[in-house]
């Protein structure tokens, strides 16, 4: 069995997503049926793992939506994302609308 290159792997996944049979994919890409099955099984296993972890949802606070680790993973950073900014803006609007400008406990002199 020859090695499977990336192009063949992506092609097999694409053809599978289009509804092609395994035997038809293997004939088209000149691979064996077991190689095509292995490619499809690897992706299915990866998707199951990702789906299981994505089911656990966190509260959508700005802290959870920010990037808190550098790309290399060695530095701690805080990068504001678009989603975090939108959450902060929405919370600020709610806070401004909830505060009453005529609060009787705050003395406001006339003039």
C-alpha atoms as a PDB file:
ATOM      1  CA  UNK A   1       0.000   0.000   0.000  1.00  0.00           C
ATOM      2  CA  UNK A   2       1.474   3.348  -0.987  1.00  0.00           C
ATOM      3  CA  UNK A   3       1.454   6.250   1.414  1.00  0.00           C
ATOM      4  CA  UNK A   4      -1.499   8.578   1.369  1.00  0.00           C
ATOM      5  CA  UNK A   5      -0.604  12.193   0.663  1.00  0.00           C
ATOM      6  CA  UNK A   6      -2.613  15.207   1.797  1.00  0.00           C
ATOM      7  CA  UNK A   7      -4.201  15.757  -1.579  1.00  0.00           C
ATOM      8  CA  UNK A   8      -5.571  12.226  -1.636  1.00  0.00           C
ATOM      9  CA  UNK A   9      -6.776  12.581   1.945  1.00  0.00           C
ATOM     10  CA  UNK A  10      -8.625  15.827   1.261  1.00  0.00           C
ATOM     11  CA  UNK A  11     -10.033  14.437  -1.972  1.00  0.00           C
ATOM     12  CA  UNK A  12     -11.314  11.329  -0.194  1.00  0.00           C
ATOM     13  CA  UNK A  13     -12.964  13.435   2.498  1.00  0.00           C
ATOM     14  CA  UNK A  14     -14.533  15.737  -0.086  1.00  0.00           C
ATOM     15  CA  UNK A  15     -15.871  12.882  -2.181  1.00  0.00           C
ATOM     16  CA  UNK A  16     -17.233  11.214   0.952  1.00  0.00           C
ATOM     17  CA  UNK A  17     -19.012  14.435   1.928  1.00  0.00           C
ATOM     18  CA  UNK A  18     -20.554  14.496  -1.563  1.00  0.00           C
ATOM     19  CA  UNK A  19     -22.058  11.037  -0.964  1.00  0.00           C
ATOM     20  CA  UNK A  20     -19.734   8.853  -3.037  1.00  0.00           C
ATOM     21  CA  UNK A  21     -19.384   5.145  -2.143  1.00  0.00           C
ATOM     22  CA  UNK A  22     -16.103   3.946  -0.621  1.00  0.00           C
ATOM     23  CA  UNK A  23     -15.373   1.663  -3.567  1.00  0.00           C
ATOM     24  CA  UNK A  24     -15.951   4.490  -6.041  1.00  0.00           C
ATOM     25  CA  UNK A  25     -13.634   6.802  -4.038  1.00  0.00           C
ATOM     26  CA  UNK A  26     -10.916   4.155  -3.874  1.00  0.00           C
ATOM     27  CA  UNK A  27     -11.105   3.571  -7.634  1.00  0.00           C
ATOM     28  CA  UNK A  28     -11.002   7.296  -8.393  1.00  0.00           C
ATOM     29  CA  UNK A  29      -8.012   8.005  -6.140  1.00  0.00           C
ATOM     30  CA  UNK A  30      -6.260   4.680  -6.779  1.00  0.00           C
ATOM     31  CA  UNK A  31      -6.295   3.726  -3.086  1.00  0.00           C
ATOM     32  CA  UNK A  32      -7.440   0.582  -1.342  1.00  0.00           C
ATOM     33  CA  UNK A  33     -10.799   0.365   0.414  1.00  0.00           C
ATOM     34  CA  UNK A  34      -9.091   0.021   3.798  1.00  0.00           C
ATOM     35  CA  UNK A  35      -7.108   3.236   3.245  1.00  0.00           C
ATOM     36  CA  UNK A  36     -10.266   5.168   2.406  1.00  0.00           C
ATOM     37  CA  UNK A  37     -12.078   3.688   5.413  1.00  0.00           C
ATOM     38  CA  UNK A  38      -9.166   4.668   7.682  1.00  0.00           C
ATOM     39  CA  UNK A  39      -9.178   8.263   6.387  1.00  0.00           C
ATOM     40  CA  UNK A  40     -12.907   8.644   6.964  1.00  0.00           C
ATOM     41  CA  UNK A  41     -12.748   6.955  10.374  1.00  0.00           C
ATOM     42  CA  UNK A  42      -9.941   9.285  11.574  1.00  0.00           C
ATOM     43  CA  UNK A  43     -11.984  12.360  10.747  1.00  0.00           C
ATOM     44  CA  UNK A  44     -15.124  10.890  12.296  1.00  0.00           C
ATOM     45  CA  UNK A  45     -13.225  10.184  15.524  1.00  0.00           C
ATOM     46  CA  UNK A  46     -11.788  13.728  15.593  1.00  0.00           C
ATOM     47  CA  UNK A  47     -15.251  15.214  15.044  1.00  0.00           C
ATOM     48  CA  UNK A  48     -16.691  13.177  17.911  1.00  0.00           C
ATOM     49  CA  UNK A  49     -14.050  14.480  20.274  1.00  0.00           C
ATOM     50  CA  UNK A  50     -14.595  18.085  19.177  1.00  0.00           C
ATOM     51  CA  UNK A  51     -18.358  17.746  19.426  1.00  0.00           C
ATOM     52  CA  UNK A  52     -18.201  16.322  22.932  1.00  0.00           C
ATOM     53  CA  UNK A  53     -16.028  19.188  24.181  1.00  0.00           C
ATOM     54  CA  UNK A  54     -18.063  21.853  22.412  1.00  0.00           C
ATOM     55  CA  UNK A  55     -21.269  20.707  24.117  1.00  0.00           C
ATOM     56  CA  UNK A  56     -19.949  21.985  27.432  1.00  0.00           C
ATOM     57  CA  UNK A  57     -20.782  25.659  27.262  1.00  0.00           C
ATOM     58  CA  UNK A  58     -19.436  28.409  29.444  1.00  0.00           C
ATOM     59  CA  UNK A  59     -21.117  31.650  30.347  1.00  0.00           C
ATOM     60  CA  UNK A  60     -20.569  34.176  27.614  1.00  0.00           C
ATOM     61  CA  UNK A  61     -18.649  36.727  29.631  1.00  0.00           C
ATOM     62  CA  UNK A  62     -16.013  38.889  28.050  1.00  0.00           C
ATOM     63  CA  UNK A  63     -13.283  37.065  29.985  1.00  0.00           C
ATOM     64  CA  UNK A  64     -14.265  33.720  28.437  1.00  0.00           C
ATOM     65  CA  UNK A  65     -14.342  35.237  24.949  1.00  0.00           C
ATOM     66  CA  UNK A  66     -10.883  36.846  25.125  1.00  0.00           C
ATOM     67  CA  UNK A  67      -7.652  35.226  23.932  1.00  0.00           C
ATOM     68  CA  UNK A  68      -5.630  34.583  27.080  1.00  0.00           C
ATOM     69  CA  UNK A  69      -2.651  32.652  25.764  1.00  0.00           C
ATOM     70  CA  UNK A  70      -0.009  33.426  23.178  1.00  0.00           C
ATOM     71  CA  UNK A  71       0.272  31.367  20.023  1.00  0.00           C
ATOM     72  CA  UNK A  72       3.305  29.509  21.333  1.00  0.00           C
ATOM     73  CA  UNK A  73       1.598  28.962  24.695  1.00  0.00           C
ATOM     74  CA  UNK A  74       4.515  30.350  26.678  1.00  0.00           C
ATOM     75  CA  UNK A  75       3.149  33.818  27.496  1.00  0.00           C
ATOM     76  CA  UNK A  76      -0.027  34.972  29.164  1.00  0.00           C
ATOM     77  CA  UNK A  77      -1.763  37.738  27.253  1.00  0.00           C
ATOM     78  CA  UNK A  78      -5.188  39.338  27.099  1.00  0.00           C
ATOM     79  CA  UNK A  79      -6.415  40.089  23.590  1.00  0.00           C
ATOM     80  CA  UNK A  80      -9.877  41.540  23.108  1.00  0.00           C
ATOM     81  CA  UNK A  81     -11.848  39.707  20.455  1.00  0.00           C
ATOM     82  CA  UNK A  82     -14.783  41.064  18.511  1.00  0.00           C
ATOM     83  CA  UNK A  83     -17.205  38.848  20.448  1.00  0.00           C
ATOM     84  CA  UNK A  84     -15.831  40.022  23.805  1.00  0.00           C
ATOM     85  CA  UNK A  85     -16.124  43.644  22.712  1.00  0.00           C
ATOM     86  CA  UNK A  86     -19.747  43.141  21.669  1.00  0.00           C
ATOM     87  CA  UNK A  87     -20.579  41.550  25.040  1.00  0.00           C
ATOM     88  CA  UNK A  88     -18.963  44.487  26.865  1.00  0.00           C
ATOM     89  CA  UNK A  89     -20.876  47.011  24.756  1.00  0.00           C
ATOM     90  CA  UNK A  90     -24.161  45.229  25.409  1.00  0.00           C
ATOM     91  CA  UNK A  91     -23.511  45.106  29.165  1.00  0.00           C
ATOM     92  CA  UNK A  92     -22.619  48.820  29.191  1.00  0.00           C
ATOM     93  CA  UNK A  93     -25.890  49.698  27.422  1.00  0.00           C
ATOM     94  CA  UNK A  94     -27.860  47.641  29.930  1.00  0.00           C
ATOM     95  CA  UNK A  95     -26.052  49.288  32.828  1.00  0.00           C
ATOM     96  CA  UNK A  96     -26.716  52.777  31.473  1.00  0.00           C
ATOM     97  CA  UNK A  97     -30.395  52.020  30.941  1.00  0.00           C
ATOM     98  CA  UNK A  98     -30.759  50.545  34.448  1.00  0.00           C
ATOM     99  CA  UNK A  99     -29.244  53.515  36.269  1.00  0.00           C
ATOM    100  CA  UNK A 100     -31.791  56.120  37.171  1.00  0.00           C
ATOM    101  CA  UNK A 101     -30.595  59.698  36.740  1.00  0.00           C
ATOM    102  CA  UNK A 102     -33.078  60.917  39.341  1.00  0.00           C
ATOM    103  CA  UNK A 103     -31.852  58.767  42.223  1.00  0.00           C
ATOM    104  CA  UNK A 104     -33.273  60.257  45.469  1.00  0.00           C
ATOM    105  CA  UNK A 105     -30.202  59.241  47.519  1.00  0.00           C
ATOM    106  CA  UNK A 106     -27.799  61.431  45.541  1.00  0.00           C
ATOM    107  CA  UNK A 107     -27.827  65.155  46.225  1.00  0.00           C
ATOM    108  CA  UNK A 108     -27.849  67.196  43.038  1.00  0.00           C
ATOM    109  CA  UNK A 109     -27.770  70.952  43.594  1.00  0.00           C
ATOM    110  CA  UNK A 110     -29.881  73.103  41.312  1.00  0.00           C
ATOM    111  CA  UNK A 111     -28.143  75.374  38.922  1.00  0.00           C
END
